[in-house]
């Protein structure tokens, strides 16, 4: 009886691992976004997010806006930007950090936070920076929280903004995880 109990336990553990792996794998979709004349951007996007893509008429950038398929609204906006001159280098880490510090300083008067901390995070293709703030007086229909940052991805720069409300910290975490997965390819 003890042997049977151990075997059943091992089978249950193995079954749970298989089910968990399948559930976890289904949580994201690998999606590819074509960038005009600049290859594509690949992201592992949460499966419950939908997107809308807009192209700049001058072909200088694309905008990808993620929202909820259902449930509480949120917004994740990515704007892949490519160099206007072929072979132009991306800004270095210090320049990106200063850029985000200036952006944070520019919205301090609207934020509840007395000090806005710029945080570093590492993606598959480089190191980026971001900050999060709380709007001290959001108007009806506006979001209470904003996370904004930038991440280099190959020759692209990937500025992003995440808009959320109370109880949606997981959206920020999922957005940062998605950004960490970003890969640029010269192929469409």
N, C-alpha and C. Protein backbone atom coordinates (compact mmCIF):
# COMPACT_ATOMS: atom_id res chain seq x y z
N UNK A 1 0.83 -1.20 0.00
CA UNK A 1 0.00 0.00 0.00
C UNK A 1 0.87 1.26 0.00
N UNK A 2 1.94 1.23 0.82
CA UNK A 2 2.82 2.39 0.90
C UNK A 2 3.48 2.66 -0.46
N UNK A 3 3.88 1.57 -1.18
CA UNK A 3 4.49 1.72 -2.50
C UNK A 3 3.52 2.34 -3.49
N UNK A 4 2.26 1.90 -3.46
CA UNK A 4 1.24 2.42 -4.36
C UNK A 4 1.02 3.91 -4.09
N UNK A 5 0.98 4.29 -2.79
CA UNK A 5 0.78 5.69 -2.40
C UNK A 5 1.92 6.56 -2.94
N UNK A 6 3.17 6.06 -2.84
CA UNK A 6 4.33 6.81 -3.34
C UNK A 6 4.27 6.95 -4.86
N UNK A 7 3.88 5.88 -5.55
CA UNK A 7 3.78 5.93 -7.02
C UNK A 7 2.70 6.91 -7.45
N UNK A 8 1.55 6.88 -6.77
CA UNK A 8 0.48 7.81 -7.09
C UNK A 8 0.92 9.25 -6.84
N UNK A 9 1.65 9.45 -5.75
CA UNK A 9 2.15 10.79 -5.44
C UNK A 9 3.09 11.29 -6.52
N UNK A 10 4.00 10.41 -6.98
CA UNK A 10 4.94 10.79 -8.04
C UNK A 10 4.20 11.10 -9.34
N UNK A 11 3.19 10.30 -9.66
CA UNK A 11 2.41 10.54 -10.86
C UNK A 11 1.67 11.87 -10.77
N UNK A 12 1.09 12.17 -9.61
CA UNK A 12 0.38 13.44 -9.43
C UNK A 12 1.33 14.63 -9.55
N UNK A 13 2.52 14.51 -8.97
CA UNK A 13 3.50 15.59 -9.07
C UNK A 13 3.89 15.80 -10.53
N UNK A 14 4.17 14.71 -11.25
CA UNK A 14 4.54 14.83 -12.67
C UNK A 14 3.41 15.44 -13.48
N UNK A 15 2.16 15.01 -13.21
CA UNK A 15 1.01 15.54 -13.92
C UNK A 15 0.84 17.03 -13.64
N UNK A 16 1.01 17.43 -12.40
CA UNK A 16 0.90 18.85 -12.04
C UNK A 16 1.97 19.67 -12.76
N UNK A 17 3.19 19.13 -12.87
CA UNK A 17 4.27 19.84 -13.57
C UNK A 17 3.92 20.03 -15.04
N UNK A 18 3.38 18.99 -15.68
CA UNK A 18 3.00 19.08 -17.09
C UNK A 18 1.90 20.11 -17.26
N UNK A 19 0.87 20.04 -16.42
CA UNK A 19 -0.25 20.99 -16.51
C UNK A 19 0.24 22.40 -16.25
N UNK A 20 1.06 22.60 -15.22
CA UNK A 20 1.57 23.93 -14.90
C UNK A 20 2.39 24.49 -16.06
N UNK A 21 3.23 23.64 -16.66
CA UNK A 21 4.05 24.09 -17.79
C UNK A 21 3.16 24.51 -18.95
N UNK A 22 2.11 23.75 -19.23
CA UNK A 22 1.21 24.10 -20.33
C UNK A 22 0.45 25.38 -20.03
N UNK A 23 0.00 25.55 -18.79
CA UNK A 23 -0.72 26.77 -18.41
C UNK A 23 0.22 27.97 -18.50
N UNK A 24 1.45 27.81 -17.97
CA UNK A 24 2.40 28.92 -17.99
C UNK A 24 2.77 29.29 -19.43
N UNK A 25 3.00 28.27 -20.27
CA UNK A 25 3.37 28.54 -21.65
C UNK A 25 2.25 29.25 -22.40
N UNK A 26 1.00 28.98 -22.02
CA UNK A 26 -0.14 29.59 -22.69
C UNK A 26 -0.38 31.03 -22.23
N UNK A 27 0.33 31.45 -21.18
CA UNK A 27 0.12 32.79 -20.65
C UNK A 27 0.64 33.88 -21.57
N UNK A 28 1.58 33.54 -22.45
CA UNK A 28 2.12 34.53 -23.39
C UNK A 28 2.08 33.98 -24.81
N UNK A 29 2.02 34.89 -25.75
CA UNK A 29 2.10 34.56 -27.16
C UNK A 29 3.33 35.25 -27.72
N UNK A 30 4.08 34.55 -28.53
CA UNK A 30 5.18 35.20 -29.23
C UNK A 30 4.59 35.91 -30.45
N UNK A 31 4.70 37.23 -30.47
CA UNK A 31 4.12 38.02 -31.55
C UNK A 31 5.20 38.83 -32.24
N UNK A 32 5.04 38.97 -33.55
CA UNK A 32 6.02 39.70 -34.37
C UNK A 32 5.32 40.91 -34.98
N UNK A 33 5.96 42.08 -34.88
CA UNK A 33 5.41 43.33 -35.41
C UNK A 33 6.35 43.86 -36.49
N UNK A 34 5.83 43.98 -37.69
CA UNK A 34 6.62 44.49 -38.82
C UNK A 34 6.81 46.00 -38.67
N UNK A 35 8.04 46.44 -38.84
CA UNK A 35 8.39 47.86 -38.77
C UNK A 35 8.75 48.31 -40.17
N UNK A 36 8.13 49.37 -40.68
CA UNK A 36 8.37 49.78 -42.08
C UNK A 36 9.85 49.98 -42.38
N UNK A 37 10.35 49.18 -43.31
CA UNK A 37 11.73 49.27 -43.78
C UNK A 37 12.77 48.99 -42.69
N UNK A 38 12.35 48.43 -41.55
CA UNK A 38 13.28 48.22 -40.44
C UNK A 38 13.08 46.86 -39.76
N UNK A 39 12.68 45.85 -40.54
CA UNK A 39 12.57 44.51 -40.00
C UNK A 39 11.35 44.33 -39.12
N UNK A 40 11.57 43.66 -37.99
CA UNK A 40 10.44 43.40 -37.11
C UNK A 40 10.88 43.37 -35.65
N UNK A 41 9.91 43.53 -34.78
CA UNK A 41 10.10 43.47 -33.34
C UNK A 41 9.32 42.27 -32.85
N UNK A 42 9.99 41.38 -32.11
CA UNK A 42 9.31 40.21 -31.56
C UNK A 42 9.20 40.37 -30.05
N UNK A 43 8.01 40.08 -29.53
CA UNK A 43 7.72 40.20 -28.11
C UNK A 43 6.94 38.98 -27.62
N UNK A 44 7.13 38.62 -26.36
CA UNK A 44 6.29 37.61 -25.72
C UNK A 44 5.22 38.38 -24.95
N UNK A 45 4.02 38.43 -25.54
CA UNK A 45 2.93 39.27 -25.06
C UNK A 45 1.96 38.44 -24.22
N UNK A 46 1.51 38.97 -23.07
CA UNK A 46 0.49 38.25 -22.31
C UNK A 46 -0.71 37.92 -23.22
N UNK A 47 -1.18 36.70 -23.13
CA UNK A 47 -2.22 36.20 -24.04
C UNK A 47 -3.53 36.99 -23.92
N UNK A 48 -3.79 37.60 -22.77
CA UNK A 48 -5.05 38.33 -22.60
C UNK A 48 -4.96 39.80 -23.01
N UNK A 49 -3.86 40.16 -23.70
CA UNK A 49 -3.70 41.52 -24.21
C UNK A 49 -4.01 41.54 -25.70
N UNK A 50 -4.64 42.59 -26.16
CA UNK A 50 -4.82 42.80 -27.59
C UNK A 50 -4.01 44.04 -27.97
N UNK A 51 -3.73 44.19 -29.26
CA UNK A 51 -2.94 45.33 -29.68
C UNK A 51 -3.54 46.03 -30.87
N UNK A 52 -3.14 47.28 -31.00
CA UNK A 52 -3.48 48.09 -32.16
C UNK A 52 -2.16 48.72 -32.62
N UNK A 53 -1.91 48.68 -33.91
CA UNK A 53 -0.65 49.18 -34.45
C UNK A 53 -0.93 50.37 -35.36
N UNK A 54 -0.17 51.44 -35.15
CA UNK A 54 -0.30 52.64 -35.98
C UNK A 54 1.07 52.97 -36.55
N UNK A 55 1.11 53.31 -37.83
CA UNK A 55 2.36 53.69 -38.48
C UNK A 55 2.39 55.21 -38.66
N UNK A 56 3.53 55.79 -38.37
CA UNK A 56 3.74 57.21 -38.62
C UNK A 56 3.72 57.44 -40.14
N UNK A 57 2.97 58.45 -40.63
CA UNK A 57 2.91 58.68 -42.08
C UNK A 57 4.28 58.94 -42.71
N UNK A 58 5.22 59.46 -41.92
CA UNK A 58 6.57 59.73 -42.44
C UNK A 58 7.51 58.53 -42.28
N UNK A 59 6.97 57.41 -41.77
CA UNK A 59 7.71 56.16 -41.59
C UNK A 59 8.91 56.31 -40.66
N UNK A 60 8.79 57.17 -39.66
CA UNK A 60 9.86 57.36 -38.69
C UNK A 60 9.73 56.45 -37.47
N UNK A 61 8.52 55.98 -37.21
CA UNK A 61 8.29 55.11 -36.07
C UNK A 61 6.95 54.40 -36.24
N UNK A 62 6.74 53.43 -35.38
CA UNK A 62 5.45 52.75 -35.27
C UNK A 62 4.99 52.90 -33.83
N UNK A 63 3.70 52.78 -33.61
CA UNK A 63 3.17 52.78 -32.25
C UNK A 63 2.36 51.52 -32.06
N UNK A 64 2.67 50.79 -30.98
CA UNK A 64 1.93 49.57 -30.65
C UNK A 64 1.26 49.84 -29.31
N UNK A 65 -0.07 49.76 -29.29
CA UNK A 65 -0.84 50.01 -28.07
C UNK A 65 -1.50 48.72 -27.64
N UNK A 66 -1.18 48.26 -26.42
CA UNK A 66 -1.78 47.06 -25.86
C UNK A 66 -2.86 47.46 -24.86
N UNK A 67 -3.97 46.76 -24.90
CA UNK A 67 -5.07 46.97 -23.96
C UNK A 67 -5.62 45.61 -23.54
N UNK A 68 -6.55 45.63 -22.61
CA UNK A 68 -7.16 44.39 -22.14
C UNK A 68 -8.17 43.88 -23.16
N UNK A 69 -8.18 42.56 -23.36
CA UNK A 69 -9.22 41.96 -24.19
C UNK A 69 -10.56 42.05 -23.48
N UNK A 70 -10.51 41.99 -22.15
CA UNK A 70 -11.70 42.15 -21.32
C UNK A 70 -11.25 42.52 -19.91
N UNK A 71 -12.18 42.95 -19.09
CA UNK A 71 -11.85 43.32 -17.72
C UNK A 71 -11.46 44.77 -17.57
N UNK A 72 -10.78 45.06 -16.47
CA UNK A 72 -10.39 46.42 -16.14
C UNK A 72 -9.44 46.99 -17.20
N UNK A 73 -9.67 48.23 -17.62
CA UNK A 73 -8.83 48.82 -18.67
C UNK A 73 -7.42 49.16 -18.17
N UNK A 74 -6.47 49.10 -19.08
CA UNK A 74 -5.10 49.55 -18.87
C UNK A 74 -4.55 49.88 -20.25
N UNK A 75 -3.39 50.47 -20.29
CA UNK A 75 -2.75 50.76 -21.58
C UNK A 75 -1.25 50.57 -21.48
N UNK A 76 -0.69 49.93 -22.49
CA UNK A 76 0.76 49.79 -22.61
C UNK A 76 1.10 50.28 -24.01
N UNK A 77 1.90 51.35 -24.08
CA UNK A 77 2.21 51.97 -25.37
C UNK A 77 3.71 51.81 -25.63
N UNK A 78 4.04 51.21 -26.79
CA UNK A 78 5.43 51.07 -27.23
C UNK A 78 5.58 51.88 -28.51
N UNK A 79 6.71 52.55 -28.64
CA UNK A 79 6.96 53.32 -29.85
C UNK A 79 8.38 53.02 -30.35
N UNK A 80 8.56 51.89 -31.06
CA UNK A 80 9.89 51.58 -31.59
C UNK A 80 10.38 52.70 -32.50
N UNK A 81 11.58 53.17 -32.22
CA UNK A 81 12.19 54.25 -32.99
C UNK A 81 13.52 53.73 -33.55
N UNK A 82 13.77 53.99 -34.80
CA UNK A 82 15.02 53.57 -35.41
C UNK A 82 15.83 54.81 -35.76
N UNK A 83 17.14 54.64 -35.93
CA UNK A 83 17.98 55.79 -36.26
C UNK A 83 17.62 56.37 -37.61
N UNK A 84 17.70 57.67 -37.72
CA UNK A 84 17.42 58.33 -38.99
C UNK A 84 18.62 58.24 -39.93
N UNK A 85 19.80 58.01 -39.36
CA UNK A 85 21.01 57.84 -40.17
C UNK A 85 21.51 56.41 -40.02
N UNK A 86 21.77 55.76 -41.13
CA UNK A 86 22.24 54.38 -41.10
C UNK A 86 23.57 54.30 -40.34
N UNK A 87 23.65 53.35 -39.43
CA UNK A 87 24.86 53.13 -38.67
C UNK A 87 25.02 54.03 -37.45
N UNK A 88 24.05 54.90 -37.20
CA UNK A 88 24.13 55.78 -36.02
C UNK A 88 24.02 54.92 -34.76
N UNK A 89 24.90 55.14 -33.79
CA UNK A 89 24.86 54.31 -32.57
C UNK A 89 23.71 54.72 -31.65
N UNK A 90 23.25 53.76 -30.86
CA UNK A 90 22.27 54.06 -29.83
C UNK A 90 22.94 54.84 -28.70
N UNK A 91 22.17 55.62 -27.95
CA UNK A 91 22.74 56.29 -26.78
C UNK A 91 23.29 55.25 -25.80
N UNK A 92 24.34 55.61 -25.06
CA UNK A 92 24.88 54.67 -24.07
C UNK A 92 24.02 54.67 -22.81
N UNK A 93 24.37 53.81 -21.86
CA UNK A 93 23.57 53.64 -20.64
C UNK A 93 23.41 54.95 -19.87
N UNK A 94 24.49 55.69 -19.74
CA UNK A 94 24.44 56.94 -18.97
C UNK A 94 23.51 57.94 -19.64
N UNK A 95 23.55 58.01 -20.97
CA UNK A 95 22.68 58.94 -21.69
C UNK A 95 21.21 58.54 -21.52
N UNK A 96 20.93 57.24 -21.56
CA UNK A 96 19.55 56.78 -21.36
C UNK A 96 19.07 57.08 -19.94
N UNK A 97 19.95 56.87 -18.97
CA UNK A 97 19.58 57.15 -17.59
C UNK A 97 19.30 58.65 -17.40
N UNK A 98 20.14 59.51 -17.97
CA UNK A 98 19.91 60.96 -17.88
C UNK A 98 18.60 61.35 -18.57
N UNK A 99 18.31 60.74 -19.71
CA UNK A 99 17.07 61.01 -20.43
C UNK A 99 15.86 60.69 -19.54
N UNK A 100 15.91 59.55 -18.86
CA UNK A 100 14.78 59.17 -18.00
C UNK A 100 14.72 60.06 -16.75
N UNK A 101 15.85 60.49 -16.23
CA UNK A 101 15.85 61.40 -15.09
C UNK A 101 15.24 62.74 -15.47
N UNK A 102 15.54 63.23 -16.68
CA UNK A 102 14.92 64.48 -17.15
C UNK A 102 13.41 64.30 -17.33
N UNK A 103 13.00 63.15 -17.89
CA UNK A 103 11.57 62.88 -18.07
C UNK A 103 10.86 62.84 -16.72
N UNK A 104 11.47 62.19 -15.75
CA UNK A 104 10.89 62.12 -14.41
C UNK A 104 10.81 63.51 -13.79
N UNK A 105 11.85 64.31 -13.96
CA UNK A 105 11.85 65.67 -13.43
C UNK A 105 10.78 66.53 -14.07
N UNK A 106 10.46 66.27 -15.32
CA UNK A 106 9.46 67.05 -16.03
C UNK A 106 8.03 66.80 -15.57
N UNK A 107 7.80 65.71 -14.85
CA UNK A 107 6.43 65.43 -14.38
C UNK A 107 6.30 65.44 -12.86
N UNK A 108 7.37 65.83 -12.16
CA UNK A 108 7.33 65.84 -10.69
C UNK A 108 6.16 66.64 -10.14
N UNK A 109 5.81 67.75 -10.76
CA UNK A 109 4.75 68.61 -10.23
C UNK A 109 3.38 67.93 -10.30
N UNK A 110 3.21 66.93 -11.17
CA UNK A 110 1.94 66.23 -11.29
C UNK A 110 1.90 64.93 -10.49
N UNK A 111 3.04 64.54 -9.92
CA UNK A 111 3.14 63.25 -9.23
C UNK A 111 3.01 63.40 -7.72
N UNK A 112 2.47 62.37 -7.10
CA UNK A 112 2.38 62.34 -5.64
C UNK A 112 3.75 62.11 -5.01
N UNK A 113 4.63 61.40 -5.71
CA UNK A 113 5.94 61.07 -5.17
C UNK A 113 6.79 62.33 -5.04
N UNK A 114 7.42 62.50 -3.91
CA UNK A 114 8.32 63.63 -3.69
C UNK A 114 9.63 63.43 -4.46
N UNK A 115 10.07 62.18 -4.51
CA UNK A 115 11.27 61.82 -5.25
C UNK A 115 10.90 60.70 -6.21
N UNK A 116 11.26 60.85 -7.47
CA UNK A 116 10.97 59.82 -8.47
C UNK A 116 12.26 59.08 -8.76
N UNK A 117 12.27 57.81 -8.43
CA UNK A 117 13.46 56.98 -8.61
C UNK A 117 13.48 56.37 -10.00
N UNK A 118 14.59 56.53 -10.70
CA UNK A 118 14.79 55.91 -12.01
C UNK A 118 15.48 54.58 -11.77
N UNK A 119 14.84 53.51 -12.25
CA UNK A 119 15.33 52.15 -12.02
C UNK A 119 15.90 51.56 -13.30
N UNK A 120 16.86 50.68 -13.15
CA UNK A 120 17.49 50.01 -14.28
C UNK A 120 16.87 48.62 -14.43
N UNK A 121 16.72 48.16 -15.68
CA UNK A 121 16.32 46.78 -15.91
C UNK A 121 17.01 46.28 -17.16
N UNK A 122 17.22 44.97 -17.22
CA UNK A 122 17.97 44.40 -18.32
C UNK A 122 17.07 43.55 -19.20
N UNK A 123 17.09 43.87 -20.48
CA UNK A 123 16.35 43.09 -21.46
C UNK A 123 17.27 42.14 -22.19
N UNK A 124 16.71 41.34 -23.09
CA UNK A 124 17.50 40.40 -23.87
C UNK A 124 18.54 41.12 -24.72
N UNK A 125 18.26 42.36 -25.10
CA UNK A 125 19.14 43.08 -26.03
C UNK A 125 19.86 44.27 -25.41
N UNK A 126 19.63 44.58 -24.15
CA UNK A 126 20.31 45.73 -23.57
C UNK A 126 19.72 46.15 -22.24
N UNK A 127 20.32 47.19 -21.67
CA UNK A 127 19.90 47.73 -20.37
C UNK A 127 19.06 48.98 -20.60
N UNK A 128 17.90 49.03 -19.93
CA UNK A 128 17.02 50.18 -20.03
C UNK A 128 16.74 50.78 -18.67
N UNK A 129 15.94 51.83 -18.67
CA UNK A 129 15.60 52.56 -17.45
C UNK A 129 14.13 52.92 -17.46
N UNK A 130 13.55 53.00 -16.26
CA UNK A 130 12.14 53.38 -16.14
C UNK A 130 11.87 54.00 -14.78
N UNK A 131 10.73 54.64 -14.65
CA UNK A 131 10.26 55.17 -13.38
C UNK A 131 8.75 55.00 -13.32
N UNK A 132 8.21 55.02 -12.11
CA UNK A 132 6.76 54.91 -11.91
C UNK A 132 6.30 56.07 -11.04
N UNK A 133 5.13 56.61 -11.39
CA UNK A 133 4.56 57.74 -10.64
C UNK A 133 3.06 57.55 -10.45
N UNK A 134 2.55 58.31 -9.47
CA UNK A 134 1.12 58.33 -9.17
C UNK A 134 0.61 59.73 -9.43
N UNK A 135 -0.43 59.86 -10.24
CA UNK A 135 -1.05 61.15 -10.52
C UNK A 135 -1.81 61.59 -9.27
N UNK A 136 -1.50 62.77 -8.75
CA UNK A 136 -2.16 63.21 -7.52
C UNK A 136 -3.60 63.65 -7.76
N UNK A 137 -4.00 63.90 -8.99
CA UNK A 137 -5.37 64.34 -9.27
C UNK A 137 -5.83 63.85 -10.65
N UNK A 138 -5.98 62.51 -10.83
CA UNK A 138 -6.43 62.05 -12.14
C UNK A 138 -7.88 62.48 -12.39
N UNK A 139 -8.15 62.92 -13.59
CA UNK A 139 -9.51 63.30 -13.97
C UNK A 139 -10.31 62.03 -14.26
N UNK A 140 -11.64 62.11 -14.25
CA UNK A 140 -12.44 60.93 -14.57
C UNK A 140 -12.04 60.34 -15.93
N UNK A 141 -11.85 59.03 -15.94
CA UNK A 141 -11.45 58.34 -17.17
C UNK A 141 -9.95 58.30 -17.40
N UNK A 142 -9.18 59.01 -16.57
CA UNK A 142 -7.72 58.97 -16.69
C UNK A 142 -7.16 57.91 -15.77
N UNK A 143 -5.92 57.53 -16.02
CA UNK A 143 -5.26 56.52 -15.20
C UNK A 143 -4.57 57.18 -14.01
N UNK A 144 -4.48 56.42 -12.93
CA UNK A 144 -3.88 56.92 -11.69
C UNK A 144 -2.36 56.72 -11.68
N UNK A 145 -1.88 55.64 -12.31
CA UNK A 145 -0.46 55.29 -12.26
C UNK A 145 0.14 55.27 -13.66
N UNK A 146 1.40 55.68 -13.73
CA UNK A 146 2.12 55.64 -14.99
C UNK A 146 3.54 55.13 -14.74
N UNK A 147 3.97 54.21 -15.59
CA UNK A 147 5.35 53.75 -15.60
C UNK A 147 5.88 54.08 -16.99
N UNK A 148 7.04 54.75 -17.04
CA UNK A 148 7.58 55.18 -18.32
C UNK A 148 9.06 54.84 -18.37
N UNK A 149 9.52 54.42 -19.57
CA UNK A 149 10.92 54.08 -19.68
C UNK A 149 11.37 53.96 -21.12
N UNK A 150 12.60 53.46 -21.26
CA UNK A 150 13.19 53.27 -22.58
C UNK A 150 14.16 52.09 -22.50
N UNK A 151 14.20 51.33 -23.60
CA UNK A 151 15.04 50.15 -23.66
C UNK A 151 15.64 50.04 -25.06
N UNK A 152 16.98 49.88 -25.18
CA UNK A 152 17.56 49.64 -26.49
C UNK A 152 17.32 48.19 -26.90
N UNK A 153 16.92 47.98 -28.15
CA UNK A 153 16.68 46.64 -28.68
C UNK A 153 17.33 46.59 -30.06
N UNK A 154 18.55 46.08 -30.13
CA UNK A 154 19.29 46.10 -31.39
C UNK A 154 19.54 47.54 -31.79
N UNK A 155 19.22 47.90 -33.04
CA UNK A 155 19.39 49.28 -33.49
C UNK A 155 18.20 50.15 -33.10
N UNK A 156 17.18 49.56 -32.54
CA UNK A 156 15.97 50.31 -32.14
C UNK A 156 16.12 50.88 -30.74
N UNK A 157 15.40 51.96 -30.51
CA UNK A 157 15.14 52.44 -29.15
C UNK A 157 13.66 52.17 -28.92
N UNK A 158 13.33 51.68 -27.74
CA UNK A 158 11.95 51.30 -27.46
C UNK A 158 11.42 52.07 -26.25
N UNK A 159 10.95 53.32 -26.47
CA UNK A 159 10.29 54.04 -25.39
C UNK A 159 8.94 53.37 -25.10
N UNK A 160 8.55 53.37 -23.83
CA UNK A 160 7.28 52.74 -23.45
C UNK A 160 6.63 53.50 -22.30
N UNK A 161 5.31 53.36 -22.24
CA UNK A 161 4.53 53.93 -21.14
C UNK A 161 3.44 52.91 -20.77
N UNK A 162 3.27 52.69 -19.47
CA UNK A 162 2.25 51.78 -18.96
C UNK A 162 1.29 52.60 -18.11
N UNK A 163 -0.01 52.52 -18.42
CA UNK A 163 -1.04 53.24 -17.68
C UNK A 163 -1.92 52.23 -16.94
N UNK A 164 -2.06 52.42 -15.61
CA UNK A 164 -2.86 51.50 -14.80
C UNK A 164 -3.64 52.25 -13.73
N UNK A 165 -4.48 51.50 -13.05
CA UNK A 165 -5.23 52.00 -11.90
C UNK A 165 -4.97 51.09 -10.71
N UNK A 166 -5.67 51.33 -9.62
CA UNK A 166 -5.51 50.52 -8.40
C UNK A 166 -5.68 49.04 -8.72
N UNK A 167 -4.85 48.21 -8.07
CA UNK A 167 -4.97 46.77 -8.20
C UNK A 167 -4.40 46.20 -9.49
N UNK A 168 -3.63 46.98 -10.23
CA UNK A 168 -3.11 46.51 -11.52
C UNK A 168 -1.58 46.48 -11.58
N UNK A 169 -0.92 46.34 -10.44
CA UNK A 169 0.54 46.28 -10.43
C UNK A 169 1.05 45.12 -11.28
N UNK A 170 0.26 44.04 -11.39
CA UNK A 170 0.68 42.91 -12.21
C UNK A 170 0.83 43.29 -13.68
N UNK A 171 0.07 44.28 -14.13
CA UNK A 171 0.19 44.74 -15.53
C UNK A 171 1.57 45.35 -15.76
N UNK A 172 2.05 46.12 -14.80
CA UNK A 172 3.39 46.72 -14.92
C UNK A 172 4.45 45.62 -14.96
N UNK A 173 4.32 44.64 -14.08
CA UNK A 173 5.26 43.52 -14.05
C UNK A 173 5.24 42.76 -15.38
N UNK A 174 4.05 42.49 -15.89
CA UNK A 174 3.92 41.78 -17.17
C UNK A 174 4.48 42.61 -18.33
N UNK A 175 4.28 43.92 -18.29
CA UNK A 175 4.82 44.78 -19.35
C UNK A 175 6.35 44.76 -19.33
N UNK A 176 6.94 44.86 -18.14
CA UNK A 176 8.41 44.83 -18.05
C UNK A 176 8.95 43.47 -18.49
N UNK A 177 8.26 42.40 -18.14
CA UNK A 177 8.67 41.06 -18.58
C UNK A 177 8.60 40.96 -20.10
N UNK A 178 7.51 41.50 -20.69
CA UNK A 178 7.37 41.50 -22.14
C UNK A 178 8.52 42.28 -22.77
N UNK A 179 8.84 43.45 -22.23
CA UNK A 179 9.92 44.28 -22.79
C UNK A 179 11.26 43.56 -22.70
N UNK A 180 11.49 42.85 -21.61
CA UNK A 180 12.74 42.12 -21.45
C UNK A 180 12.91 41.07 -22.55
N UNK A 181 11.80 40.59 -23.10
CA UNK A 181 11.85 39.56 -24.15
C UNK A 181 12.06 40.16 -25.55
N UNK A 182 12.05 41.46 -25.69
CA UNK A 182 12.08 42.11 -27.00
C UNK A 182 13.33 41.77 -27.79
N UNK A 183 13.09 41.40 -29.06
CA UNK A 183 14.19 41.09 -29.98
C UNK A 183 13.88 41.78 -31.31
N UNK A 184 14.89 42.45 -31.85
CA UNK A 184 14.75 43.09 -33.17
C UNK A 184 15.40 42.20 -34.21
N UNK A 185 14.73 42.05 -35.32
CA UNK A 185 15.27 41.28 -36.43
C UNK A 185 15.18 42.13 -37.69
N UNK A 186 16.18 42.03 -38.54
CA UNK A 186 16.14 42.77 -39.80
C UNK A 186 15.19 42.12 -40.80
N UNK A 187 14.74 40.90 -40.49
CA UNK A 187 13.78 40.22 -41.34
C UNK A 187 12.38 40.66 -40.95
N UNK A 188 11.47 40.69 -41.94
CA UNK A 188 10.08 41.08 -41.66
C UNK A 188 9.30 39.93 -41.08
